[in-house]
Amino acid sequence: MNQRRERSRRPSRCVVAAPTGGATRRTGLLFAALQFAAGSAGLAGQETEGCGADIPLGVAVADESGSIPIPFATVRLTSEDEGALDGPLRGQAGSDGRLVLCVPVGVGRATLWAEFGDAASDETEVPLQPGAVEEVVLRLRVASVENGRLLGTVTDALSDAPVSAAAVSLRGRPQEVQTNRQGGFILSDVPVGVYELSVRHLGYAPLRHMVNVARGATTDIQIGLVPAPLEMEPLVATAVRLRRLEIKGFYERKRWGELLGLGAFYTEADIDRRNPLLISDMIMEEASIRRGCGMRSRSCSLFTTRLATGAVPRCPMLIYLDGFLISESGRADEWVSPVEIAGVEVYKGPASLPAEFTGPNSRCGVVAIWTK
């Protein structure tokens, strides 16, 4: 594992990402570069109480020289400590390239890295202790990123229970890892190409499956191992996350939204399978949203209903395109066609809205569309 470490240890205090509002933006890139040139002292002056009993881990994302901050980069954190994490932690740096991850106390050693576009940093291991504040600088290799990584989970194909201590490797690569208590594993710094993935565990039929590792991308893979006595094929589902949606937080909102029943989410594969003429066709049928169309036009409005004095008036949904509000009348079809769409998020009311889409006019719900 290629590692690069830059950190400092201070007494028991907390750190926060620097403000990302107008005052920070007005300082400009020059001031940000001077802060980074001063080293980790820029982080040392920041404090937070937001992590509570968790361990605050201050992270700064910079270019390869370490002097220029990289704003809005995605930072991931994993740990091999059993039972410490339910899954990888994920956060997005602010406009100054900094953020704070609140790490559960049970994590004794964490591995983290940063991604932005096709660039990624080396993986960095950081020891953590309760009552201490850790700081780390992640340098993106912006010039050229030739490798990718596999991030996966191994479960029992019959019970969906996580399978721990399974041996995972790629044919032709010396690295072999074992799944943690939650069945998770990561294979890092893998050269681009097609590999035969091997998963072995006592009591299960061995699995061999071909996987594609893309340049600068994290490939998620879900594996279902079959108990050895049964005559059936192993179950494998593989998906390469689109970098644009990863940066915008689509997959994180999809994960929690589906888990908590807060919204409906459609990927490019879902849209290709459904093949709708208009995107409102799919949203209306799949998410049970109402639609109204003009008598002479195929441009339709998506709306929800609200009970008021016995009536059920139409309540038009807000339409966002690539993070920008483009319609307050529920019209989506006239802005984009299904073949241009990489992902769709549908929220029927304010109670389910994430912070990115809340506002005074969002009471009727939101449709967020992301293009390819």
Protein backbone atom coordinates (compact mmCIF):
# COMPACT_ATOMS: atom_id res chain seq x y z
CA MET A 1 0.00 0.00 0.00
CA ASN A 2 1.49 3.32 -1.10
CA GLN A 3 1.22 5.67 1.86
CA ARG A 4 1.98 9.31 2.45
CA ARG A 5 1.51 10.79 5.90
CA GLU A 6 1.46 14.35 7.17
CA ARG A 7 -0.12 14.84 10.60
CA SER A 8 0.40 16.43 13.99
CA ARG A 9 -0.78 15.53 17.51
CA ARG A 10 -2.22 18.18 19.87
CA PRO A 11 -3.93 18.09 23.30
CA SER A 12 -7.60 17.22 23.63
CA ARG A 13 -9.35 19.84 21.50
CA CYS A 14 -11.70 19.74 18.52
CA VAL A 15 -11.31 21.14 15.03
CA VAL A 16 -13.76 22.30 12.37
CA ALA A 17 -13.54 23.16 8.71
CA ALA A 18 -12.95 26.85 8.11
CA PRO A 19 -16.09 28.91 7.16
CA THR A 20 -17.20 28.38 3.60
CA GLY A 21 -19.33 31.55 3.29
CA GLY A 22 -18.76 34.83 1.50
CA ALA A 23 -15.94 36.03 3.76
CA THR A 24 -13.82 33.00 2.92
CA ARG A 25 -14.56 33.21 -0.79
CA ARG A 26 -13.54 36.88 -0.93
CA THR A 27 -10.07 36.12 0.35
CA GLY A 28 -9.33 34.36 -2.93
CA LEU A 29 -6.93 31.62 -3.97
CA LEU A 30 -3.82 33.57 -2.95
CA PHE A 31 -4.80 33.72 0.73
CA ALA A 32 -5.74 30.01 0.68
CA ALA A 33 -2.36 29.14 -0.81
CA LEU A 34 -0.59 31.10 1.91
CA GLN A 35 -2.55 29.20 4.57
CA PHE A 36 -1.47 25.88 3.13
CA ALA A 37 2.11 27.04 2.75
CA ALA A 38 2.15 27.64 6.51
CA GLY A 39 1.61 23.90 7.08
CA SER A 40 -0.80 22.36 9.55
CA ALA A 41 -0.88 25.54 11.66
CA GLY A 42 -3.90 26.62 9.58
CA LEU A 43 -5.89 23.77 11.05
CA ALA A 44 -4.55 24.16 14.55
CA GLY A 45 -6.45 27.41 15.16
CA GLN A 46 -9.87 25.92 14.41
CA GLU A 47 -12.11 24.38 17.06
CA THR A 48 -15.36 22.44 17.16
CA GLU A 49 -17.64 20.75 19.59
CA GLY A 50 -19.75 19.12 16.91
CA CYS A 51 -18.16 15.66 17.24
CA GLY A 52 -19.30 15.14 20.82
CA ALA A 53 -17.72 11.96 22.20
CA ASP A 54 -16.33 10.99 18.77
CA ILE A 55 -12.76 11.67 17.69
CA PRO A 56 -12.46 14.77 15.44
CA LEU A 57 -10.15 14.20 12.48
CA GLY A 58 -9.17 17.38 10.67
CA VAL A 59 -8.49 16.88 6.95
CA ALA A 60 -7.00 19.31 4.43
CA VAL A 61 -6.99 18.45 0.72
CA ALA A 62 -4.30 20.08 -1.42
CA ASP A 63 -2.63 19.70 -4.79
CA GLU A 64 0.44 17.53 -5.22
CA SER A 65 2.74 20.31 -4.00
CA GLY A 66 0.73 20.71 -0.81
CA SER A 67 0.42 24.49 -1.27
CA ILE A 68 -2.89 24.94 -3.15
CA PRO A 69 -6.17 23.81 -1.51
CA ILE A 70 -8.57 21.67 -3.55
CA PRO A 71 -12.18 22.67 -2.75
CA PHE A 72 -15.13 20.24 -2.66
CA ALA A 73 -13.01 17.08 -2.90
CA THR A 74 -14.55 13.85 -1.59
CA VAL A 75 -12.80 12.23 1.40
CA ARG A 76 -13.38 8.58 2.34
CA LEU A 77 -12.39 6.83 5.56
CA THR A 78 -12.34 3.11 6.33
CA SER A 79 -11.12 1.02 9.27
CA GLU A 80 -10.23 -2.61 9.83
CA ASP A 81 -11.16 -2.41 13.52
CA GLU A 82 -14.00 -4.89 13.97
CA GLY A 83 -17.37 -3.37 14.81
CA ALA A 84 -16.05 0.18 14.82
CA LEU A 85 -17.74 1.33 11.60
CA ASP A 86 -20.95 0.16 9.91
CA GLY A 87 -19.47 1.26 6.59
CA PRO A 88 -16.99 3.75 5.09
CA LEU A 89 -17.27 7.36 6.28
CA ARG A 90 -17.56 9.98 3.56
CA GLY A 91 -17.35 13.77 3.60
CA GLN A 92 -16.84 16.69 1.24
CA ALA A 93 -14.25 19.39 1.76
CA GLY A 94 -15.39 23.00 1.87
CA SER A 95 -14.35 25.81 -0.45
CA ASP A 96 -11.08 26.06 1.50
CA GLY A 97 -10.25 22.39 0.99
CA ARG A 98 -10.86 21.45 4.65
CA LEU A 99 -13.34 19.35 6.59
CA VAL A 100 -13.69 17.45 9.85
CA LEU A 101 -14.67 13.77 10.08
CA CYS A 102 -16.18 12.63 13.38
CA VAL A 103 -14.75 9.13 13.89
CA PRO A 104 -16.33 6.72 16.41
CA VAL A 105 -14.21 6.14 19.53
CA GLY A 106 -13.81 2.42 18.73
CA VAL A 107 -11.65 3.18 15.67
CA GLY A 108 -7.99 2.81 16.63
CA ARG A 109 -6.50 3.13 13.14
CA ALA A 110 -8.15 4.63 10.08
CA THR A 111 -7.29 4.65 6.37
CA LEU A 112 -8.40 7.65 4.35
CA TRP A 113 -7.94 9.17 0.92
CA ALA A 114 -9.33 12.00 -1.21
CA GLU A 115 -10.84 11.95 -4.71
CA PHE A 116 -11.69 14.77 -7.09
CA GLY A 117 -12.57 14.17 -10.72
CA ASP A 118 -9.99 11.75 -12.09
CA ALA A 119 -7.47 12.68 -9.40
CA ALA A 120 -6.91 10.85 -6.11
CA SER A 121 -4.52 11.01 -3.19
CA ASP A 122 -2.45 8.19 -1.78
CA GLU A 123 -4.09 6.27 1.05
CA THR A 124 -2.97 7.50 4.47
CA GLU A 125 -3.10 5.53 7.72
CA VAL A 126 -3.78 7.54 10.87
CA PRO A 127 -3.75 6.16 14.45
CA LEU A 128 -6.57 7.61 16.58
CA GLN A 129 -6.94 7.93 20.32
CA PRO A 130 -9.91 9.17 22.41
CA GLY A 131 -9.33 12.65 23.77
CA ALA A 132 -6.83 13.59 21.03
CA VAL A 133 -7.24 15.59 17.84
CA GLU A 134 -5.62 14.32 14.65
CA GLU A 135 -4.85 16.39 11.55
CA VAL A 136 -3.83 15.11 8.13
CA VAL A 137 -3.08 16.65 4.72
CA LEU A 138 -4.09 14.64 1.65
CA ARG A 139 -2.28 15.58 -1.56
CA LEU A 140 -4.09 14.85 -4.82
CA ARG A 141 -2.05 13.43 -7.64
CA VAL A 142 -3.69 15.73 -10.15
CA ALA A 143 -1.27 15.26 -13.03
CA SER A 144 -1.88 11.57 -13.67
CA VAL A 145 -3.85 8.89 -11.87
CA GLU A 146 -3.38 5.50 -13.46
CA ASN A 147 -4.91 3.22 -10.81
CA GLY A 148 -8.33 2.53 -9.28
CA ARG A 149 -9.74 0.63 -6.30
CA LEU A 150 -12.37 -1.97 -5.41
CA LEU A 151 -14.65 -1.35 -2.42
CA GLY A 152 -16.97 -4.25 -1.61
CA THR A 153 -19.08 -6.26 0.79
CA VAL A 154 -19.31 -10.05 1.13
CA THR A 155 -22.55 -11.56 2.48
CA ASP A 156 -24.24 -14.93 2.76
CA ALA A 157 -26.35 -15.34 -0.39
CA LEU A 158 -29.19 -16.98 1.56
CA SER A 159 -29.40 -14.93 4.75
CA ASP A 160 -27.70 -11.65 3.66
CA ALA A 161 -25.61 -11.85 6.84
CA PRO A 162 -22.10 -10.36 6.50
CA VAL A 163 -19.28 -12.86 5.99
CA SER A 164 -16.17 -11.86 7.93
CA ALA A 165 -12.61 -13.15 7.45
CA ALA A 166 -13.20 -14.07 3.80
CA ALA A 167 -10.00 -13.94 1.69
CA VAL A 168 -10.28 -11.54 -1.27
CA SER A 169 -7.67 -11.19 -4.01
CA LEU A 170 -7.16 -10.43 -7.70
CA ARG A 171 -5.46 -12.96 -9.94
CA GLY A 172 -2.00 -11.77 -10.87
CA ARG A 173 -1.81 -9.32 -7.95
CA PRO A 174 0.10 -10.19 -4.74
CA GLN A 175 -2.24 -8.29 -2.43
CA GLU A 176 -4.81 -10.32 -0.47
CA VAL A 177 -7.16 -8.83 2.11
CA GLN A 178 -9.72 -10.24 4.56
CA THR A 179 -13.22 -8.93 5.05
CA ASN A 180 -13.94 -7.16 8.34
CA ARG A 181 -16.76 -7.87 10.78
CA GLN A 182 -19.27 -6.16 8.50
CA GLY A 183 -18.06 -8.17 5.49
CA GLY A 184 -16.36 -5.14 3.96
CA PHE A 185 -13.06 -5.04 2.09
CA ILE A 186 -10.98 -2.67 -0.02
CA LEU A 187 -8.34 -3.38 -2.66
CA SER A 188 -6.39 -0.20 -3.29
CA ASP A 189 -3.95 1.13 -5.88
CA VAL A 190 -4.97 -1.46 -8.49
CA PRO A 191 -3.72 -0.80 -12.05
CA VAL A 192 -6.42 -0.26 -14.65
CA GLY A 193 -7.59 -3.46 -16.32
CA VAL A 194 -9.84 -6.53 -16.16
CA TYR A 195 -9.12 -8.98 -13.33
CA GLU A 196 -10.41 -12.26 -11.99
CA LEU A 197 -11.68 -11.59 -8.46
CA SER A 198 -11.31 -14.51 -6.04
CA VAL A 199 -13.27 -14.79 -2.77
CA ARG A 200 -12.73 -17.78 -0.43
CA HIS A 201 -14.16 -18.72 2.95
CA LEU A 202 -14.42 -22.04 4.75
CA GLY A 203 -17.95 -23.45 4.40
CA TYR A 204 -18.75 -21.53 1.20
CA ALA A 205 -18.24 -22.33 -2.45
CA PRO A 206 -15.27 -20.32 -3.78
CA LEU A 207 -16.18 -17.44 -6.06
CA ARG A 208 -14.35 -16.26 -9.16
CA HIS A 209 -15.71 -13.31 -11.08
CA MET A 210 -14.31 -10.89 -13.68
CA VAL A 211 -14.19 -7.24 -12.62
CA ASN A 212 -13.10 -4.09 -14.42
CA VAL A 213 -10.97 -1.52 -12.59
CA ALA A 214 -11.37 1.97 -14.05
CA ARG A 215 -8.81 4.77 -13.91
CA GLY A 216 -9.24 7.03 -10.88
CA ALA A 217 -12.57 5.40 -9.96
CA THR A 218 -13.90 3.44 -6.99
CA THR A 219 -15.82 0.35 -8.13
CA ASP A 220 -18.42 -0.90 -5.70
CA ILE A 221 -19.07 -4.65 -5.68
CA GLN A 222 -21.60 -6.69 -3.69
CA ILE A 223 -20.87 -10.42 -3.37
CA GLY A 224 -23.16 -13.19 -2.17
CA LEU A 225 -21.32 -16.39 -1.22
CA VAL A 226 -23.23 -19.67 -1.40
CA PRO A 227 -22.82 -22.31 1.35
CA ALA A 228 -20.76 -25.16 -0.09
CA PRO A 229 -23.36 -27.99 0.09
CA LEU A 230 -25.86 -26.12 -2.12
CA GLU A 231 -25.87 -26.44 -5.89
CA MET A 232 -26.36 -22.87 -7.09
CA GLU A 233 -24.35 -20.10 -8.71
CA PRO A 234 -22.79 -17.31 -6.60
CA LEU A 235 -24.50 -13.92 -6.79
CA VAL A 236 -22.50 -10.85 -7.89
CA ALA A 237 -23.61 -7.27 -8.54
CA THR A 238 -21.06 -4.76 -9.80
CA ALA A 239 -21.47 -1.02 -10.41
CA VAL A 240 -18.98 1.68 -11.33
CA ARG A 241 -20.00 4.96 -9.74
CA LEU A 242 -20.10 7.98 -12.02
CA ARG A 243 -17.54 10.50 -10.80
CA ARG A 244 -19.89 13.46 -11.34
CA LEU A 245 -22.61 11.92 -9.15
CA GLU A 246 -20.05 10.84 -6.55
CA ILE A 247 -18.79 14.41 -6.14
CA LYS A 248 -22.32 15.82 -5.91
CA GLY A 249 -23.27 13.39 -3.11
CA PHE A 250 -25.92 11.52 -5.13
CA TYR A 251 -24.89 8.03 -3.98
CA GLU A 252 -24.70 9.01 -0.32
CA ARG A 253 -28.20 10.53 -0.41
CA LYS A 254 -29.46 7.48 -2.34
CA ARG A 255 -28.05 5.10 0.25
CA TRP A 256 -29.65 6.83 3.25
CA GLY A 257 -32.80 7.83 1.37
CA GLU A 258 -33.57 4.24 0.38
CA LEU A 259 -32.64 2.97 3.84
CA LEU A 260 -34.96 5.43 5.62
CA GLY A 261 -37.64 5.65 2.92
CA LEU A 262 -37.07 9.37 2.33
CA GLY A 263 -37.19 9.48 -1.47
CA ALA A 264 -37.02 7.68 -4.82
CA PHE A 265 -33.74 7.42 -6.75
CA TYR A 266 -33.01 6.40 -10.35
CA THR A 267 -29.63 5.79 -11.94
CA GLU A 268 -28.66 5.77 -15.60
CA ALA A 269 -29.18 1.97 -15.62
CA ASP A 270 -32.72 2.37 -14.27
CA ILE A 271 -33.57 4.92 -16.96
CA ASP A 272 -32.05 2.77 -19.74
CA ARG A 273 -34.07 -0.24 -18.55
CA ARG A 274 -37.33 1.72 -18.39
CA ASN A 275 -36.55 3.71 -21.60
CA PRO A 276 -39.17 6.46 -21.07
CA LEU A 277 -40.10 8.92 -23.83
CA LEU A 278 -40.15 11.74 -21.26
CA ILE A 279 -38.52 11.71 -17.85
CA SER A 280 -41.85 12.75 -16.31
CA ASP A 281 -43.28 9.44 -17.61
CA MET A 282 -40.87 7.48 -15.44
CA ILE A 283 -41.11 9.73 -12.38
CA MET A 284 -44.91 9.65 -12.44
CA GLU A 285 -45.14 5.86 -12.73
CA GLU A 286 -42.23 4.83 -10.52
CA ALA A 287 -42.55 7.42 -7.73
CA SER A 288 -46.37 7.80 -7.82
CA ILE A 289 -46.14 11.54 -8.53
CA ARG A 290 -49.07 13.23 -10.28
CA ARG A 291 -48.66 14.94 -13.62
CA GLY A 292 -50.59 17.50 -15.63
CA CYS A 293 -50.01 18.12 -19.35
CA GLY A 294 -51.25 20.85 -21.67
CA MET A 295 -53.90 20.05 -24.25
CA ARG A 296 -51.56 20.73 -27.18
CA SER A 297 -48.18 20.14 -25.58
CA ARG A 298 -46.15 17.21 -24.30
CA SER A 299 -44.50 19.51 -21.75
CA CYS A 300 -45.94 18.32 -18.45
CA SER A 301 -45.82 19.52 -14.85
CA LEU A 302 -45.11 17.24 -11.91
CA PHE A 303 -47.03 18.01 -8.73
CA THR A 304 -48.10 16.67 -5.35
CA THR A 305 -51.37 17.40 -3.54
CA ARG A 306 -52.07 19.11 -0.24
CA LEU A 307 -55.31 18.88 1.76
CA ALA A 308 -56.72 22.35 2.46
CA THR A 309 -60.34 23.15 3.50
CA GLY A 310 -61.61 20.02 1.88
CA ALA A 311 -59.96 20.70 -1.47
CA VAL A 312 -56.98 18.91 -3.01
CA PRO A 313 -55.11 21.61 -4.96
CA ARG A 314 -52.16 20.93 -7.22
CA CYS A 315 -48.83 21.75 -5.63
CA PRO A 316 -46.05 22.01 -8.29
CA MET A 317 -42.71 20.48 -7.42
CA LEU A 318 -39.41 22.33 -7.70
CA ILE A 319 -37.11 21.08 -10.49
CA TYR A 320 -33.34 21.19 -10.00
CA LEU A 321 -30.89 20.51 -12.83
CA ASP A 322 -27.27 19.79 -11.84
CA GLY A 323 -27.84 21.53 -8.49
CA PHE A 324 -29.53 24.68 -9.86
CA LEU A 325 -33.23 25.52 -9.52
CA ILE A 326 -34.64 25.76 -13.06
CA SER A 327 -38.42 25.51 -12.59
CA GLU A 328 -40.90 26.27 -9.82
CA SER A 329 -43.84 24.99 -11.90
CA GLY A 330 -42.82 21.32 -11.99
CA ARG A 331 -41.70 21.32 -15.64
CA ALA A 332 -38.78 18.99 -16.28
CA ASP A 333 -39.31 17.62 -19.81
CA GLU A 334 -38.57 20.86 -21.62
CA TRP A 335 -35.10 21.13 -20.04
CA VAL A 336 -33.58 17.68 -20.53
CA SER A 337 -34.28 14.38 -22.30
CA PRO A 338 -33.93 10.92 -20.65
CA VAL A 339 -30.82 10.01 -22.70
CA GLU A 340 -28.94 12.95 -21.16
CA ILE A 341 -29.69 11.99 -17.55
CA ALA A 342 -27.29 10.18 -15.20
CA GLY A 343 -29.42 10.25 -12.04
CA VAL A 344 -32.73 11.48 -10.61
CA GLU A 345 -33.79 12.15 -7.00
CA VAL A 346 -37.48 12.56 -6.09
CA TYR A 347 -38.64 13.94 -2.72
CA LYS A 348 -42.40 14.26 -2.17
CA GLY A 349 -42.35 16.75 0.71
CA PRO A 350 -40.24 18.94 2.99
CA ALA A 351 -39.93 16.25 5.69
CA SER A 352 -37.78 14.09 3.40
CA LEU A 353 -35.67 16.83 1.80
CA PRO A 354 -31.90 16.89 2.31
CA ALA A 355 -30.33 20.23 3.23
CA GLU A 356 -29.20 20.89 -0.36
CA PHE A 357 -32.79 21.30 -1.57
CA THR A 358 -34.62 22.88 1.37
CA GLY A 359 -36.10 26.34 1.04
CA PRO A 360 -39.23 28.45 1.51
CA ASN A 361 -40.81 27.16 -1.72
CA SER A 362 -39.97 23.46 -1.34
CA ARG A 363 -43.14 22.42 0.54
CA CYS A 364 -44.48 20.61 -2.53
CA GLY A 365 -41.39 18.43 -2.99
CA VAL A 366 -38.33 18.43 -5.23
CA VAL A 367 -37.11 16.58 -8.33
CA ALA A 368 -33.31 16.80 -8.68
CA ILE A 369 -31.93 15.78 -12.08
CA TRP A 370 -28.22 15.17 -12.77
CA THR A 371 -26.91 15.05 -16.34
CA LYS A 372 -24.12 12.82 -17.65
